[in-house]
Amino acid sequence: MRHGCLNFYPNIREEEVKIYDLYEELAESVLWELPYGWKKTFVEPMCEELSEALSKAGLLEDYGVLQAKEKYGCLRWYDYGGNSETDEIICKYEDISEHTCVYCGAPATKMSQGYIAPWCDACAEEYQQRCHGKVQFIDL
C-alpha cells in the first residue's frame, strides 16, 4: 500500500516520504510544545536532517522523541534510538535555538529574564508592552 501523500504525488519515491513522515508524526505528538518562531524557522529542516541521518544508518524505524520543548531559552530534545550523528544535529539546533526569536523566528538580539527566552528587537518591544514594562532583557 502506498503512503497517502504518494497517491497525490506519484513521482515521489518512498525514501523521500520518510523525511515527511518524521516531521508530521512529531508535529502531532511532541512538537506542539515548541515556540512558534522555532517551528517556523528551523524545526522542519532539523527533522529532515535527522530523518536523513537515521535513514542512512538504518535507525529510522526505531527512533523516537519523548519530548521537545523550550527551557531556559534553549531547545530541549529528548529522544532515543539515535546515534552520534543525530546527537550532533540536535546540538547544532540547540545552538541555533538560543539565537532565534521564540515569537517570530527572526535572529534574536535579546534574552528575557524571568521567563528566559531569546527575542528579536521588535518582538521584545511588543512583549515588553504586553507585560506593562515589567520584563527585563539582556543583549545577546
C-alpha atoms as a PDB file:
ATOM      1  CA  MET A   1       0.000   0.000   0.000  1.00  0.00           C
ATOM      2  CA  ARG A   2       1.342   3.411  -0.935  1.00  0.00           C
ATOM      3  CA  HIS A   3       1.634   6.168   1.657  1.00  0.00           C
ATOM      4  CA  GLY A   4      -1.175   8.754   1.487  1.00  0.00           C
ATOM      5  CA  CYS A   5       0.919  11.587   0.056  1.00  0.00           C
ATOM      6  CA  LEU A   6       2.309   9.254  -2.618  1.00  0.00           C
ATOM      7  CA  ASN A   7      -1.186   8.950  -4.054  1.00  0.00           C
ATOM      8  CA  PHE A   8      -1.217  12.709  -4.655  1.00  0.00           C
ATOM      9  CA  TYR A   9       2.414  12.917  -5.825  1.00  0.00           C
ATOM     10  CA  PRO A  10       3.176   9.684  -7.705  1.00  0.00           C
ATOM     11  CA  ASN A  11       6.654  10.874  -8.784  1.00  0.00           C
ATOM     12  CA  ILE A  12       7.890  10.970  -5.153  1.00  0.00           C
ATOM     13  CA  ARG A  13       9.976   7.984  -4.093  1.00  0.00           C
ATOM     14  CA  GLU A  14       9.164   6.052  -0.913  1.00  0.00           C
ATOM     15  CA  GLU A  15      12.506   7.123   0.641  1.00  0.00           C
ATOM     16  CA  GLU A  16      11.581  10.797   0.319  1.00  0.00           C
ATOM     17  CA  VAL A  17       8.342  10.252   2.213  1.00  0.00           C
ATOM     18  CA  LYS A  18      10.168   9.089   5.333  1.00  0.00           C
ATOM     19  CA  ILE A  19      11.517  12.616   5.795  1.00  0.00           C
ATOM     20  CA  TYR A  20       7.976  13.969   5.597  1.00  0.00           C
ATOM     21  CA  ASP A  21       6.718  11.263   7.962  1.00  0.00           C
ATOM     22  CA  LEU A  22       9.054  12.115  10.840  1.00  0.00           C
ATOM     23  CA  TYR A  23       8.070  15.787  10.898  1.00  0.00           C
ATOM     24  CA  GLU A  24       4.362  15.040  10.505  1.00  0.00           C
ATOM     25  CA  GLU A  25       4.428  12.323  13.162  1.00  0.00           C
ATOM     26  CA  LEU A  26       6.242  14.543  15.642  1.00  0.00           C
ATOM     27  CA  ALA A  27       4.101  17.584  14.857  1.00  0.00           C
ATOM     28  CA  GLU A  28       1.053  15.694  16.058  1.00  0.00           C
ATOM     29  CA  SER A  29       2.667  14.482  19.259  1.00  0.00           C
ATOM     30  CA  VAL A  30       5.587  16.449  20.721  1.00  0.00           C
ATOM     31  CA  LEU A  31       6.359  19.485  18.560  1.00  0.00           C
ATOM     32  CA  TRP A  32       3.310  21.447  19.724  1.00  0.00           C
ATOM     33  CA  GLU A  33       5.275  22.470  22.852  1.00  0.00           C
ATOM     34  CA  LEU A  34       7.879  24.354  20.825  1.00  0.00           C
ATOM     35  CA  PRO A  35       7.608  28.119  20.307  1.00  0.00           C
ATOM     36  CA  TYR A  36       6.053  29.212  17.035  1.00  0.00           C
ATOM     37  CA  GLY A  37       9.167  31.118  15.915  1.00  0.00           C
ATOM     38  CA  TRP A  38      11.285  27.996  16.180  1.00  0.00           C
ATOM     39  CA  LYS A  39       8.763  25.797  14.376  1.00  0.00           C
ATOM     40  CA  LYS A  40       8.520  28.408  11.631  1.00  0.00           C
ATOM     41  CA  THR A  41      12.291  28.717  11.237  1.00  0.00           C
ATOM     42  CA  PHE A  42      14.233  25.531  11.921  1.00  0.00           C
ATOM     43  CA  VAL A  43      12.214  22.595  13.245  1.00  0.00           C
ATOM     44  CA  GLU A  44      11.250  21.151   9.866  1.00  0.00           C
ATOM     45  CA  PRO A  45      14.824  21.349   8.480  1.00  0.00           C
ATOM     46  CA  MET A  46      16.013  19.756  11.730  1.00  0.00           C
ATOM     47  CA  CYS A  47      13.582  16.854  11.272  1.00  0.00           C
ATOM     48  CA  GLU A  48      14.713  16.472   7.666  1.00  0.00           C
ATOM     49  CA  GLU A  49      18.367  16.262   8.733  1.00  0.00           C
ATOM     50  CA  LEU A  50      17.504  13.772  11.465  1.00  0.00           C
ATOM     51  CA  SER A  51      15.472  11.666   9.029  1.00  0.00           C
ATOM     52  CA  GLU A  52      18.302  11.572   6.519  1.00  0.00           C
ATOM     53  CA  ALA A  53      20.859  10.598   9.169  1.00  0.00           C
ATOM     54  CA  LEU A  54      18.556   7.968  10.654  1.00  0.00           C
ATOM     55  CA  SER A  55      17.667   6.526   7.242  1.00  0.00           C
ATOM     56  CA  LYS A  56      21.330   6.345   6.266  1.00  0.00           C
ATOM     57  CA  ALA A  57      22.117   4.471   9.496  1.00  0.00           C
ATOM     58  CA  GLY A  58      19.044   2.221   9.269  1.00  0.00           C
ATOM     59  CA  LEU A  59      17.636   3.616  12.523  1.00  0.00           C
ATOM     60  CA  LEU A  60      14.540   5.491  11.382  1.00  0.00           C
ATOM     61  CA  GLU A  61      12.065   2.782  12.403  1.00  0.00           C
ATOM     62  CA  ASP A  62      13.446   2.580  15.968  1.00  0.00           C
ATOM     63  CA  TYR A  63      13.826   6.325  16.556  1.00  0.00           C
ATOM     64  CA  GLY A  64      11.512   8.242  18.841  1.00  0.00           C
ATOM     65  CA  VAL A  65      11.196  11.607  20.524  1.00  0.00           C
ATOM     66  CA  LEU A  66       9.897  11.613  24.078  1.00  0.00           C
ATOM     67  CA  GLN A  67       9.704  15.390  24.425  1.00  0.00           C
ATOM     68  CA  ALA A  68      10.683  18.555  22.586  1.00  0.00           C
ATOM     69  CA  LYS A  69      10.388  21.896  24.362  1.00  0.00           C
ATOM     70  CA  GLU A  70      11.933  25.253  25.158  1.00  0.00           C
ATOM     71  CA  LYS A  71      13.629  25.556  28.529  1.00  0.00           C
ATOM     72  CA  TYR A  72      15.846  28.409  29.719  1.00  0.00           C
ATOM     73  CA  GLY A  73      15.845  29.875  26.213  1.00  0.00           C
ATOM     74  CA  CYS A  74      17.135  26.745  24.510  1.00  0.00           C
ATOM     75  CA  LEU A  75      15.720  23.788  22.630  1.00  0.00           C
ATOM     76  CA  ARG A  76      15.457  20.624  24.710  1.00  0.00           C
ATOM     77  CA  TRP A  77      15.107  17.464  22.607  1.00  0.00           C
ATOM     78  CA  TYR A  78      14.722  14.156  24.454  1.00  0.00           C
ATOM     79  CA  ASP A  79      14.985  11.198  22.088  1.00  0.00           C
ATOM     80  CA  TYR A  80      16.019   7.559  21.846  1.00  0.00           C
ATOM     81  CA  GLY A  81      17.287   5.265  19.135  1.00  0.00           C
ATOM     82  CA  GLY A  82      19.648   7.785  17.522  1.00  0.00           C
ATOM     83  CA  ASN A  83      23.408   7.780  17.118  1.00  0.00           C
ATOM     84  CA  SER A  84      26.331  10.206  17.337  1.00  0.00           C
ATOM     85  CA  GLU A  85      25.327  11.872  14.066  1.00  0.00           C
ATOM     86  CA  THR A  86      21.805  12.593  15.340  1.00  0.00           C
ATOM     87  CA  ASP A  87      23.315  13.905  18.594  1.00  0.00           C
ATOM     88  CA  GLU A  88      25.430  16.357  16.572  1.00  0.00           C
ATOM     89  CA  ILE A  89      22.379  17.505  14.614  1.00  0.00           C
ATOM     90  CA  ILE A  90      20.425  18.104  17.815  1.00  0.00           C
ATOM     91  CA  CYS A  91      23.350  20.041  19.360  1.00  0.00           C
ATOM     92  CA  LYS A  92      23.548  22.201  16.238  1.00  0.00           C
ATOM     93  CA  TYR A  93      19.878  23.128  16.506  1.00  0.00           C
ATOM     94  CA  GLU A  94      20.118  23.695  20.265  1.00  0.00           C
ATOM     95  CA  ASP A  95      22.734  26.352  19.474  1.00  0.00           C
ATOM     96  CA  ILE A  96      20.536  27.821  16.721  1.00  0.00           C
ATOM     97  CA  SER A  97      17.564  27.974  19.099  1.00  0.00           C
ATOM     98  CA  GLU A  98      19.449  30.226  21.525  1.00  0.00           C
ATOM     99  CA  HIS A  99      19.764  32.824  18.758  1.00  0.00           C
ATOM    100  CA  THR A 100      16.289  32.532  17.207  1.00  0.00           C
ATOM    101  CA  CYS A 101      13.321  34.610  18.364  1.00  0.00           C
ATOM    102  CA  VAL A 102      10.730  32.396  20.030  1.00  0.00           C
ATOM    103  CA  TYR A 103       7.898  34.539  18.725  1.00  0.00           C
ATOM    104  CA  CYS A 104       8.661  35.205  15.054  1.00  0.00           C
ATOM    105  CA  GLY A 105      11.788  33.190  14.168  1.00  0.00           C
ATOM    106  CA  ALA A 106      13.998  36.203  13.344  1.00  0.00           C
ATOM    107  CA  PRO A 107      17.583  36.362  14.640  1.00  0.00           C
ATOM    108  CA  ALA A 108      17.428  37.056  18.377  1.00  0.00           C
ATOM    109  CA  THR A 109      19.155  40.105  19.803  1.00  0.00           C
ATOM    110  CA  LYS A 110      17.916  39.920  23.402  1.00  0.00           C
ATOM    111  CA  MET A 111      17.266  37.364  26.114  1.00  0.00           C
ATOM    112  CA  SER A 112      14.389  37.959  28.520  1.00  0.00           C
ATOM    113  CA  GLN A 113      14.922  37.484  32.244  1.00  0.00           C
ATOM    114  CA  GLY A 114      12.473  35.613  34.485  1.00  0.00           C
ATOM    115  CA  TYR A 115      10.941  33.716  31.597  1.00  0.00           C
ATOM    116  CA  ILE A 116      14.258  33.141  29.848  1.00  0.00           C
ATOM    117  CA  ALA A 117      13.810  33.205  26.086  1.00  0.00           C
ATOM    118  CA  PRO A 118      15.517  34.709  23.009  1.00  0.00           C
ATOM    119  CA  TRP A 119      13.739  37.611  21.275  1.00  0.00           C
ATOM    120  CA  CYS A 120      14.339  39.883  18.305  1.00  0.00           C
ATOM    121  CA  ASP A 121      14.131  43.644  18.946  1.00  0.00           C
ATOM    122  CA  ALA A 122      10.598  44.042  17.568  1.00  0.00           C
ATOM    123  CA  CYS A 123       9.107  41.098  19.460  1.00  0.00           C
ATOM    124  CA  ALA A 124      10.937  42.068  22.669  1.00  0.00           C
ATOM    125  CA  GLU A 125       9.385  45.519  22.477  1.00  0.00           C
ATOM    126  CA  GLU A 126       5.913  44.052  21.890  1.00  0.00           C
ATOM    127  CA  TYR A 127       6.364  41.551  24.737  1.00  0.00           C
ATOM    128  CA  GLN A 128       7.544  44.367  27.000  1.00  0.00           C
ATOM    129  CA  GLN A 129       4.392  46.381  26.219  1.00  0.00           C
ATOM    130  CA  ARG A 130       2.105  43.397  26.857  1.00  0.00           C
ATOM    131  CA  CYS A 131       3.797  42.912  30.225  1.00  0.00           C
ATOM    132  CA  HIS A 132       3.438  46.604  31.115  1.00  0.00           C
ATOM    133  CA  GLY A 133       7.189  47.200  31.171  1.00  0.00           C
ATOM    134  CA  LYS A 134       7.920  44.587  33.837  1.00  0.00           C
ATOM    135  CA  VAL A 135      10.196  42.368  31.713  1.00  0.00           C
ATOM    136  CA  GLN A 136      13.933  42.873  31.676  1.00  0.00           C
ATOM    137  CA  PHE A 137      16.176  41.915  28.771  1.00  0.00           C
ATOM    138  CA  ILE A 138      19.884  41.461  28.283  1.00  0.00           C
ATOM    139  CA  ASP A 139      21.574  41.922  24.916  1.00  0.00           C
ATOM    140  CA  LEU A 140      22.958  38.844  23.220  1.00  0.00           C
END
